[in-house]
Amino acid sequence: MDDRFPPEIFLYYTNLPLKDRVYTIRDVEVGVGIDGQAGEIAVTLVELTNPVSEKKPHRERGFKVERFRELEPAVEVEEEIEEEMAV
């Protein structure tokens, strides 16, 4: 998790993700960067809520998906779930 944000981020966000914490993705959509340019993939998180954008369609502000990484044991967890469902 990259938790280094520019100081001006606090003009738009009330809650920011922190390094060494686990977050769950709530939604994935095309986002708008802090520079106002659309096109980056953004995620909102179950554990955090933030203000909505002033521009239509007034979505909650998300975070660049590149800031996060998948949990390393994700494959092991999927295998365990498949084994449990097979029983």
PDB file of N, CA and C in Angstrom:
ATOM      1  N   MET A   1       0.852  -1.174   0.000  1.00  0.00           N
ATOM      2  CA  MET A   1       0.000   0.000   0.000  1.00  0.00           C
ATOM      3  C   MET A   1       0.892   1.230   0.000  1.00  0.00           C
ATOM      4  N   ASP A   2       0.679   2.068  -0.981  1.00  0.00           N
ATOM      5  CA  ASP A   2       1.388   3.336  -1.058  1.00  0.00           C
ATOM      6  C   ASP A   2       0.540   4.375  -0.326  1.00  0.00           C
ATOM      7  N   ASP A   3       0.969   4.795   0.854  1.00  0.00           N
ATOM      8  CA  ASP A   3       0.178   5.753   1.618  1.00  0.00           C
ATOM      9  C   ASP A   3       0.810   7.147   1.649  1.00  0.00           C
ATOM     10  N   ARG A   4       1.603   7.451   0.623  1.00  0.00           N
ATOM     11  CA  ARG A   4       2.189   8.789   0.503  1.00  0.00           C
ATOM     12  C   ARG A   4       1.292   9.629  -0.407  1.00  0.00           C
ATOM     13  N   PHE A   5       0.628  10.601   0.162  1.00  0.00           N
ATOM     14  CA  PHE A   5      -0.308  11.444  -0.582  1.00  0.00           C
ATOM     15  C   PHE A   5       0.187  12.889  -0.574  1.00  0.00           C
ATOM     16  N   PRO A   6      -0.123  13.642  -1.629  1.00  0.00           N
ATOM     17  CA  PRO A   6       0.247  15.060  -1.629  1.00  0.00           C
ATOM     18  C   PRO A   6      -0.595  15.813  -0.588  1.00  0.00           C
ATOM     19  N   PRO A   7      -0.071  16.887  -0.022  1.00  0.00           N
ATOM     20  CA  PRO A   7      -0.794  17.628   1.025  1.00  0.00           C
ATOM     21  C   PRO A   7      -2.187  18.107   0.597  1.00  0.00           C
ATOM     22  N   GLU A   8      -2.344  18.457  -0.671  1.00  0.00           N
ATOM     23  CA  GLU A   8      -3.648  18.978  -1.124  1.00  0.00           C
ATOM     24  C   GLU A   8      -4.751  17.924  -1.139  1.00  0.00           C
ATOM     25  N   ILE A   9      -4.411  16.675  -0.909  1.00  0.00           N
ATOM     26  CA  ILE A   9      -5.413  15.598  -0.909  1.00  0.00           C
ATOM     27  C   ILE A   9      -6.474  15.844   0.163  1.00  0.00           C
ATOM     28  N   PHE A  10      -6.092  16.523   1.250  1.00  0.00           N
ATOM     29  CA  PHE A  10      -7.032  16.756   2.344  1.00  0.00           C
ATOM     30  C   PHE A  10      -8.132  17.746   1.982  1.00  0.00           C
ATOM     31  N   LEU A  11      -8.027  18.400   0.825  1.00  0.00           N
ATOM     32  CA  LEU A  11      -9.116  19.239   0.328  1.00  0.00           C
ATOM     33  C   LEU A  11     -10.272  18.379  -0.173  1.00  0.00           C
ATOM     34  N   TYR A  12     -10.001  17.121  -0.513  1.00  0.00           N
ATOM     35  CA  TYR A  12     -10.987  16.260  -1.147  1.00  0.00           C
ATOM     36  C   TYR A  12     -11.351  15.012  -0.337  1.00  0.00           C
ATOM     37  N   TYR A  13     -10.495  14.597   0.573  1.00  0.00           N
ATOM     38  CA  TYR A  13     -10.689  13.341   1.307  1.00  0.00           C
ATOM     39  C   TYR A  13     -10.724  13.582   2.810  1.00  0.00           C
ATOM     40  N   THR A  14     -11.518  12.763   3.507  1.00  0.00           N
ATOM     41  CA  THR A  14     -11.536  12.799   4.963  1.00  0.00           C
ATOM     42  C   THR A  14     -10.876  11.564   5.558  1.00  0.00           C
ATOM     43  N   ASN A  15     -10.804  10.476   4.786  1.00  0.00           N
ATOM     44  CA  ASN A  15     -10.208   9.221   5.249  1.00  0.00           C
ATOM     45  C   ASN A  15      -9.247   8.686   4.196  1.00  0.00           C
ATOM     46  N   LEU A  16      -8.028   8.391   4.608  1.00  0.00           N
ATOM     47  CA  LEU A  16      -7.025   7.866   3.688  1.00  0.00           C
ATOM     48  C   LEU A  16      -6.551   6.493   4.160  1.00  0.00           C
ATOM     49  N   PRO A  17      -6.253   5.600   3.228  1.00  0.00           N
ATOM     50  CA  PRO A  17      -5.729   4.290   3.619  1.00  0.00           C
ATOM     51  C   PRO A  17      -4.302   4.413   4.158  1.00  0.00           C
ATOM     52  N   LEU A  18      -3.953   3.498   5.035  1.00  0.00           N
ATOM     53  CA  LEU A  18      -2.631   3.499   5.659  1.00  0.00           C
ATOM     54  C   LEU A  18      -1.878   2.219   5.333  1.00  0.00           C
ATOM     55  N   LYS A  19      -0.580   2.340   5.259  1.00  0.00           N
ATOM     56  CA  LYS A  19       0.298   1.203   4.988  1.00  0.00           C
ATOM     57  C   LYS A  19       0.130   0.139   6.077  1.00  0.00           C
ATOM     58  N   ASP A  20       0.333  -1.115   5.703  1.00  0.00           N
ATOM     59  CA  ASP A  20       0.277  -2.264   6.611  1.00  0.00           C
ATOM     60  C   ASP A  20      -1.119  -2.560   7.153  1.00  0.00           C
ATOM     61  N   ARG A  21      -2.147  -2.121   6.463  1.00  0.00           N
ATOM     62  CA  ARG A  21      -3.527  -2.459   6.823  1.00  0.00           C
ATOM     63  C   ARG A  21      -4.144  -3.202   5.645  1.00  0.00           C
ATOM     64  N   VAL A  22      -5.131  -4.007   5.937  1.00  0.00           N
ATOM     65  CA  VAL A  22      -5.827  -4.769   4.901  1.00  0.00           C
ATOM     66  C   VAL A  22      -7.145  -4.058   4.608  1.00  0.00           C
ATOM     67  N   TYR A  23      -7.406  -3.840   3.321  1.00  0.00           N
ATOM     68  CA  TYR A  23      -8.635  -3.186   2.893  1.00  0.00           C
ATOM     69  C   TYR A  23      -9.372  -4.068   1.902  1.00  0.00           C
ATOM     70  N   THR A  24     -10.686  -3.915   1.885  1.00  0.00           N
ATOM     71  CA  THR A  24     -11.549  -4.665   0.979  1.00  0.00           C
ATOM     72  C   THR A  24     -12.102  -3.707  -0.066  1.00  0.00           C
ATOM     73  N   ILE A  25     -11.975  -4.081  -1.328  1.00  0.00           N
ATOM     74  CA  ILE A  25     -12.489  -3.228  -2.410  1.00  0.00           C
ATOM     75  C   ILE A  25     -14.005  -3.304  -2.437  1.00  0.00           C
ATOM     76  N   ARG A  26     -14.639  -2.152  -2.387  1.00  0.00           N
ATOM     77  CA  ARG A  26     -16.095  -2.047  -2.445  1.00  0.00           C
ATOM     78  C   ARG A  26     -16.581  -1.850  -3.875  1.00  0.00           C
ATOM     79  N   ASP A  27     -15.824  -1.058  -4.651  1.00  0.00           N
ATOM     80  CA  ASP A  27     -16.241  -0.759  -6.021  1.00  0.00           C
ATOM     81  C   ASP A  27     -15.014  -0.373  -6.841  1.00  0.00           C
ATOM     82  N   VAL A  28     -15.079  -0.648  -8.143  1.00  0.00           N
ATOM     83  CA  VAL A  28     -14.014  -0.292  -9.088  1.00  0.00           C
ATOM     84  C   VAL A  28     -14.671   0.501 -10.212  1.00  0.00           C
ATOM     85  N   GLU A  29     -14.071   1.641 -10.563  1.00  0.00           N
ATOM     86  CA  GLU A  29     -14.626   2.453 -11.636  1.00  0.00           C
ATOM     87  C   GLU A  29     -13.550   3.355 -12.234  1.00  0.00           C
ATOM     88  N   VAL A  30     -13.891   4.014 -13.318  1.00  0.00           N
ATOM     89  CA  VAL A  30     -12.976   4.986 -13.903  1.00  0.00           C
ATOM     90  C   VAL A  30     -13.012   6.213 -13.009  1.00  0.00           C
ATOM     91  N   GLY A  31     -11.845   6.629 -12.564  1.00  0.00           N
ATOM     92  CA  GLY A  31     -11.771   7.750 -11.643  1.00  0.00           C
ATOM     93  C   GLY A  31     -11.200   8.997 -12.277  1.00  0.00           C
ATOM     94  N   VAL A  32     -11.108  10.028 -11.479  1.00  0.00           N
ATOM     95  CA  VAL A  32     -10.539  11.302 -11.890  1.00  0.00           C
ATOM     96  C   VAL A  32      -9.384  11.597 -10.944  1.00  0.00           C
ATOM     97  N   GLY A  33      -8.224  11.884 -11.512  1.00  0.00           N
ATOM     98  CA  GLY A  33      -7.048  12.170 -10.701  1.00  0.00           C
ATOM     99  C   GLY A  33      -7.158  13.506 -10.003  1.00  0.00           C
ATOM    100  N   ILE A  34      -6.259  13.747  -9.075  1.00  0.00           N
ATOM    101  CA  ILE A  34      -6.253  15.009  -8.341  1.00  0.00           C
ATOM    102  C   ILE A  34      -6.022  16.192  -9.279  1.00  0.00           C
ATOM    103  N   ASP A  35      -5.459  15.900 -10.468  1.00  0.00           N
ATOM    104  CA  ASP A  35      -5.244  16.946 -11.470  1.00  0.00           C
ATOM    105  C   ASP A  35      -6.492  17.198 -12.320  1.00  0.00           C
ATOM    106  N   GLY A  36      -7.585  16.454 -12.035  1.00  0.00           N
ATOM    107  CA  GLY A  36      -8.841  16.639 -12.762  1.00  0.00           C
ATOM    108  C   GLY A  36      -8.966  15.817 -14.021  1.00  0.00           C
ATOM    109  N   GLN A  37      -7.935  15.042 -14.353  1.00  0.00           N
ATOM    110  CA  GLN A  37      -7.955  14.229 -15.566  1.00  0.00           C
ATOM    111  C   GLN A  37      -8.618  12.872 -15.298  1.00  0.00           C
ATOM    112  N   ALA A  38      -9.556  12.504 -16.141  1.00  0.00           N
ATOM    113  CA  ALA A  38     -10.234  11.212 -16.015  1.00  0.00           C
ATOM    114  C   ALA A  38      -9.395  10.127 -16.670  1.00  0.00           C
ATOM    115  N   GLY A  39      -9.669   8.891 -16.301  1.00  0.00           N
ATOM    116  CA  GLY A  39      -9.042   7.778 -16.986  1.00  0.00           C
ATOM    117  C   GLY A  39      -8.357   6.771 -16.103  1.00  0.00           C
ATOM    118  N   GLU A  40      -7.982   7.129 -14.886  1.00  0.00           N
ATOM    119  CA  GLU A  40      -7.329   6.152 -14.025  1.00  0.00           C
ATOM    120  C   GLU A  40      -8.379   5.219 -13.410  1.00  0.00           C
ATOM    121  N   ILE A  41      -7.967   4.010 -13.068  1.00  0.00           N
ATOM    122  CA  ILE A  41      -8.869   3.070 -12.416  1.00  0.00           C
ATOM    123  C   ILE A  41      -8.825   3.355 -10.920  1.00  0.00           C
ATOM    124  N   ALA A  42      -9.996   3.592 -10.348  1.00  0.00           N
ATOM    125  CA  ALA A  42     -10.090   3.947  -8.934  1.00  0.00           C
ATOM    126  C   ALA A  42     -10.917   2.911  -8.184  1.00  0.00           C
ATOM    127  N   VAL A  43     -10.582   2.736  -6.916  1.00  0.00           N
ATOM    128  CA  VAL A  43     -11.334   1.817  -6.062  1.00  0.00           C
ATOM    129  C   VAL A  43     -11.842   2.579  -4.845  1.00  0.00           C
ATOM    130  N   THR A  44     -13.029   2.205  -4.393  1.00  0.00           N
ATOM    131  CA  THR A  44     -13.505   2.649  -3.091  1.00  0.00           C
ATOM    132  C   THR A  44     -13.383   1.453  -2.165  1.00  0.00           C
ATOM    133  N   LEU A  45     -13.262   1.718  -0.886  1.00  0.00           N
ATOM    134  CA  LEU A  45     -12.964   0.675   0.080  1.00  0.00           C
ATOM    135  C   LEU A  45     -14.091   0.517   1.104  1.00  0.00           C
ATOM    136  N   VAL A  46     -14.335  -0.720   1.483  1.00  0.00           N
ATOM    137  CA  VAL A  46     -15.364  -1.009   2.477  1.00  0.00           C
ATOM    138  C   VAL A  46     -15.054  -0.294   3.789  1.00  0.00           C
ATOM    139  N   GLU A  47     -13.807  -0.286   4.178  1.00  0.00           N
ATOM    140  CA  GLU A  47     -13.409   0.225   5.482  1.00  0.00           C
ATOM    141  C   GLU A  47     -13.347   1.751   5.576  1.00  0.00           C
ATOM    142  N   LEU A  48     -13.380   2.453   4.443  1.00  0.00           N
ATOM    143  CA  LEU A  48     -13.274   3.914   4.438  1.00  0.00           C
ATOM    144  C   LEU A  48     -14.376   4.524   3.586  1.00  0.00           C
ATOM    145  N   THR A  49     -14.898   5.643   4.038  1.00  0.00           N
ATOM    146  CA  THR A  49     -15.821   6.414   3.204  1.00  0.00           C
ATOM    147  C   THR A  49     -15.271   7.832   3.101  1.00  0.00           C
ATOM    148  N   ASN A  50     -15.549   8.469   1.970  1.00  0.00           N
ATOM    149  CA  ASN A  50     -15.067   9.812   1.696  1.00  0.00           C
ATOM    150  C   ASN A  50     -16.169  10.633   1.056  1.00  0.00           C
ATOM    151  N   PRO A  51     -16.000  11.947   1.004  1.00  0.00           N
ATOM    152  CA  PRO A  51     -17.005  12.801   0.365  1.00  0.00           C
ATOM    153  C   PRO A  51     -17.182  12.448  -1.115  1.00  0.00           C
ATOM    154  N   VAL A  52     -18.318  12.799  -1.644  1.00  0.00           N
ATOM    155  CA  VAL A  52     -18.568  12.577  -3.069  1.00  0.00           C
ATOM    156  C   VAL A  52     -18.029  13.748  -3.865  1.00  0.00           C
ATOM    157  N   SER A  53     -17.780  13.515  -5.132  1.00  0.00           N
ATOM    158  CA  SER A  53     -17.302  14.550  -6.038  1.00  0.00           C
ATOM    159  C   SER A  53     -18.385  15.604  -6.243  1.00  0.00           C
ATOM    160  N   GLU A  54     -17.962  16.833  -6.495  1.00  0.00           N
ATOM    161  CA  GLU A  54     -18.915  17.896  -6.792  1.00  0.00           C
ATOM    162  C   GLU A  54     -19.414  17.810  -8.225  1.00  0.00           C
ATOM    163  N   LYS A  55     -18.733  17.019  -9.057  1.00  0.00           N
ATOM    164  CA  LYS A  55     -19.117  16.873 -10.463  1.00  0.00           C
ATOM    165  C   LYS A  55     -19.994  15.641 -10.643  1.00  0.00           C
ATOM    166  N   LYS A  56     -20.951  15.743 -11.569  1.00  0.00           N
ATOM    167  CA  LYS A  56     -21.803  14.596 -11.875  1.00  0.00           C
ATOM    168  C   LYS A  56     -20.947  13.450 -12.371  1.00  0.00           C
ATOM    169  N   PRO A  57     -21.237  12.232 -12.022  1.00  0.00           N
ATOM    170  CA  PRO A  57     -22.413  11.727 -11.321  1.00  0.00           C
ATOM    171  C   PRO A  57     -22.265  11.691  -9.803  1.00  0.00           C
ATOM    172  N   HIS A  58     -21.423  12.534  -9.231  1.00  0.00           N
ATOM    173  CA  HIS A  58     -21.275  12.694  -7.783  1.00  0.00           C
ATOM    174  C   HIS A  58     -20.889  11.402  -7.072  1.00  0.00           C
ATOM    175  N   ARG A  59     -19.902  10.719  -7.618  1.00  0.00           N
ATOM    176  CA  ARG A  59     -19.417   9.485  -7.002  1.00  0.00           C
ATOM    177  C   ARG A  59     -18.506   9.797  -5.821  1.00  0.00           C
ATOM    178  N   GLU A  60     -18.425   8.828  -4.930  1.00  0.00           N
ATOM    179  CA  GLU A  60     -17.476   8.945  -3.823  1.00  0.00           C
ATOM    180  C   GLU A  60     -16.058   8.939  -4.388  1.00  0.00           C
ATOM    181  N   ARG A  61     -15.201   9.728  -3.810  1.00  0.00           N
ATOM    182  CA  ARG A  61     -13.812   9.781  -4.261  1.00  0.00           C
ATOM    183  C   ARG A  61     -13.104   8.482  -3.893  1.00  0.00           C
ATOM    184  N   GLY A  62     -12.413   7.912  -4.873  1.00  0.00           N
ATOM    185  CA  GLY A  62     -11.702   6.657  -4.665  1.00  0.00           C
ATOM    186  C   GLY A  62     -10.196   6.854  -4.706  1.00  0.00           C
ATOM    187  N   PHE A  63      -9.494   5.729  -4.794  1.00  0.00           N
ATOM    188  CA  PHE A  63      -8.030   5.735  -4.786  1.00  0.00           C
ATOM    189  C   PHE A  63      -7.514   4.965  -5.991  1.00  0.00           C
ATOM    190  N   LYS A  64      -6.375   5.391  -6.517  1.00  0.00           N
ATOM    191  CA  LYS A  64      -5.759   4.679  -7.637  1.00  0.00           C
ATOM    192  C   LYS A  64      -5.548   3.224  -7.266  1.00  0.00           C
ATOM    193  N   VAL A  65      -5.960   2.346  -8.135  1.00  0.00           N
ATOM    194  CA  VAL A  65      -5.808   0.917  -7.869  1.00  0.00           C
ATOM    195  C   VAL A  65      -4.332   0.537  -7.736  1.00  0.00           C
ATOM    196  N   GLU A  66      -3.441   1.281  -8.387  1.00  0.00           N
ATOM    197  CA  GLU A  66      -2.005   0.994  -8.330  1.00  0.00           C
ATOM    198  C   GLU A  66      -1.407   1.193  -6.931  1.00  0.00           C
ATOM    199  N   ARG A  67      -2.138   1.869  -6.061  1.00  0.00           N
ATOM    200  CA  ARG A  67      -1.647   2.078  -4.697  1.00  0.00           C
ATOM    201  C   ARG A  67      -1.677   0.789  -3.865  1.00  0.00           C
ATOM    202  N   PHE A  68      -2.415  -0.204  -4.326  1.00  0.00           N
ATOM    203  CA  PHE A  68      -2.643  -1.405  -3.541  1.00  0.00           C
ATOM    204  C   PHE A  68      -2.046  -2.634  -4.215  1.00  0.00           C
ATOM    205  N   ARG A  69      -1.857  -3.672  -3.427  1.00  0.00           N
ATOM    206  CA  ARG A  69      -1.452  -4.964  -3.971  1.00  0.00           C
ATOM    207  C   ARG A  69      -2.373  -6.024  -3.383  1.00  0.00           C
ATOM    208  N   GLU A  70      -2.474  -7.129  -4.083  1.00  0.00           N
ATOM    209  CA  GLU A  70      -3.287  -8.235  -3.581  1.00  0.00           C
ATOM    210  C   GLU A  70      -2.580  -8.890  -2.414  1.00  0.00           C
ATOM    211  N   LEU A  71      -3.358  -9.517  -1.568  1.00  0.00           N
ATOM    212  CA  LEU A  71      -2.764 -10.289  -0.481  1.00  0.00           C
ATOM    213  C   LEU A  71      -1.982 -11.437  -1.085  1.00  0.00           C
ATOM    214  N   GLU A  72      -0.793 -11.690  -0.601  1.00  0.00           N
ATOM    215  CA  GLU A  72       0.047 -12.745  -1.162  1.00  0.00           C
ATOM    216  C   GLU A  72      -0.577 -14.129  -1.062  1.00  0.00           C
ATOM    217  N   PRO A  73      -1.227 -14.486   0.041  1.00  0.00           N
ATOM    218  CA  PRO A  73      -1.781 -15.843   0.112  1.00  0.00           C
ATOM    219  C   PRO A  73      -3.139 -15.990  -0.571  1.00  0.00           C
ATOM    220  N   ALA A  74      -3.489 -15.076  -1.462  1.00  0.00           N
ATOM    221  CA  ALA A  74      -4.802 -15.129  -2.107  1.00  0.00           C
ATOM    222  C   ALA A  74      -5.044 -16.468  -2.789  1.00  0.00           C
ATOM    223  N   VAL A  75      -4.043 -17.033  -3.438  1.00  0.00           N
ATOM    224  CA  VAL A  75      -4.202 -18.317  -4.119  1.00  0.00           C
ATOM    225  C   VAL A  75      -4.496 -19.406  -3.104  1.00  0.00           C
ATOM    226  N   GLU A  76      -3.796 -19.402  -1.975  1.00  0.00           N
ATOM    227  CA  GLU A  76      -4.017 -20.400  -0.940  1.00  0.00           C
ATOM    228  C   GLU A  76      -5.432 -20.299  -0.379  1.00  0.00           C
ATOM    229  N   VAL A  77      -5.930 -19.111  -0.174  1.00  0.00           N
ATOM    230  CA  VAL A  77      -7.274 -18.914   0.348  1.00  0.00           C
ATOM    231  C   VAL A  77      -8.298 -19.458  -0.633  1.00  0.00           C
ATOM    232  N   GLU A  78      -8.110 -19.179  -1.931  1.00  0.00           N
ATOM    233  CA  GLU A  78      -9.028 -19.697  -2.948  1.00  0.00           C
ATOM    234  C   GLU A  78      -9.027 -21.214  -2.950  1.00  0.00           C
ATOM    235  N   GLU A  79      -7.860 -21.835  -2.816  1.00  0.00           N
ATOM    236  CA  GLU A  79      -7.773 -23.295  -2.788  1.00  0.00           C
ATOM    237  C   GLU A  79      -8.488 -23.849  -1.572  1.00  0.00           C
ATOM    238  N   GLU A  80      -8.374 -23.192  -0.407  1.00  0.00           N
ATOM    239  CA  GLU A  80      -9.039 -23.644   0.796  1.00  0.00           C
ATOM    240  C   GLU A  80     -10.549 -23.560   0.636  1.00  0.00           C
ATOM    241  N   ILE A  81     -11.039 -22.505   0.028  1.00  0.00           N
ATOM    242  CA  ILE A  81     -12.474 -22.346  -0.191  1.00  0.00           C
ATOM    243  C   ILE A  81     -12.975 -23.437  -1.120  1.00  0.00           C
ATOM    244  N   GLU A  82     -12.242 -23.710  -2.194  1.00  0.00           N
ATOM    245  CA  GLU A  82     -12.644 -24.764  -3.125  1.00  0.00           C
ATOM    246  C   GLU A  82     -12.681 -26.116  -2.428  1.00  0.00           C
ATOM    247  N   GLU A  83     -11.694 -26.392  -1.562  1.00  0.00           N
ATOM    248  CA  GLU A  83     -11.666 -27.657  -0.834  1.00  0.00           C
ATOM    249  C   GLU A  83     -12.854 -27.769   0.108  1.00  0.00           C
ATOM    250  N   GLU A  84     -13.202 -26.689   0.820  1.00  0.00           N
ATOM    251  CA  GLU A  84     -14.322 -26.691   1.731  1.00  0.00           C
ATOM    252  C   GLU A  84     -15.645 -26.910   0.990  1.00  0.00           C
ATOM    253  N   MET A  85     -15.758 -26.332  -0.203  1.00  0.00           N
ATOM    254  CA  MET A  85     -16.994 -26.471  -0.975  1.00  0.00           C
ATOM    255  C   MET A  85     -17.120 -27.875  -1.542  1.00  0.00           C
ATOM    256  N   ALA A  86     -16.008 -28.546  -1.773  1.00  0.00           N
ATOM    257  CA  ALA A  86     -16.036 -29.901  -2.328  1.00  0.00           C
ATOM    258  C   ALA A  86     -16.477 -30.930  -1.299  1.00  0.00           C
ATOM    259  N   VAL A  87     -16.310 -30.601  -0.027  1.00  0.00           N
ATOM    260  CA  VAL A  87     -16.649 -31.551   1.040  1.00  0.00           C
ATOM    261  C   VAL A  87     -18.118 -31.604   1.287  1.00  0.00           C
TER     262      VAL A  87
END
